């Protein structure tokens, strides 16, 4: 065999090695992204969302009922069709109410349902009936466990003027509303965003004398409504033109709407002084329970979800967006970029999904493969296995495997080794690519030496 032949063979071997390893690396990254269960990029606002393949249930106390979203070919704004003097001309009916849901509204009843339309899944509430035989009313909702993207999309009422006394709020893990409406009109609203993925949100109701605006002398007009009351609370499901309805048994007990079925562990959210609490019931060892944490302590880092396993029976998790009080801010020689504090009593295993803004990494002069989660371990910090699973340009998304939620902080990793090109990547398959490059250099070098000796 000539030197030129040996060089050709070496090149073929190198290409085979690179192709094999590159295929493994690409496959590994694709698998990691698929395992993360991330949604596709958000579509154009005018495009139709694909139908959801999730199932949904609504729970109050020990009762559980499977439901279907009311599906239409329009957005939730269009479907709700809220009208006031700012949105519609005088020639149109515009009694500060929902006209799109008029066909299934009832006197002195509040409605709760999911809507599936061109903008995905939304949570909708409608109180009372427009042009109905009602004398107004008051109601307050506290909605807890919401995805970070969710917000009020429809506000009934939402206009400029002293007679608009309704209040809508959005906090870390929750949203709230206080309504007051007069005779023959509706109150209500819709929350949209982040509900196309698995979720569980809990509505804490306050109707009539329990509502914030009941006999509230601080209002512009405390006598705005004429003592009307909500007497029934209905859940709607199925056909948007003629939906099925179930009457909830209590106007006081919270209601949870979630993906899944009635055999899955139940999750109920509530607000705390420092964050939100998630109570899981009827869990078994093999269940994977998705929990919604608070954002975290820093604007540039967002704790998106926590998938917990090894739960048995009932457990309450409390999440707070602050640095742990009884721990150092970060491991030695490391600066914390953002933290999340949590409490639970059981030993669990959890996968934490979080995102980091690219701008924050640039400001910190930190490469994405140098990011890691540290968890509390008997008062000290230990580094968790952390993987980069997605890059969107503006953000990087990671997962971390942890055995405790007591305290989590994001900081620079201590584990990756320095290489000629910088630091070793935590992206699956990147290590084999580096190894393949080294093999290629060795093979080409060997071939060149052989050729020089045989020339």
Foldseek 3Di string as FASTA:
>chain_A
DALVVLLVVLVVVLVVLLVVLVVVLVVQLVVLQVVVVDDDPQDDLPAADPDFPFWKWKDFDLDIDTFAAAEDADDPCVQQVAFDVVPDPPVDDHQLAGPNLQLPFAALEKEWGWYQYRQGIKTKIKGGHAQDQWQWWKKKKKKFQDFPFKDWPFFSHDDDDQVPPKDWADDFGIIMIIDTAGPRHMGITMIGDPVSDWTKMKIFMQTQPRGPLQCDPPGPDSPRTPRTTRDWYWYWHDHSNDTDIDTDPDRGTMMMMTTDHPQAWDWYKDADPFFIKIKTAPDDQADWDKGAATQWQAPQKGFGIKTKGGDHGMKMKGKGRDQDPQAPSAAPPKHFPTKMAMDIDDFIKMKIKMKGFPVVCVVVVHDPQFKWKWDDDPRHTDTFLKAFNDDDPGMTMMITIDRDRRMMTMITDPPWDADPVGTQGRSPSSVSSVVSVVSSVVSSVVSVVSNVVSD
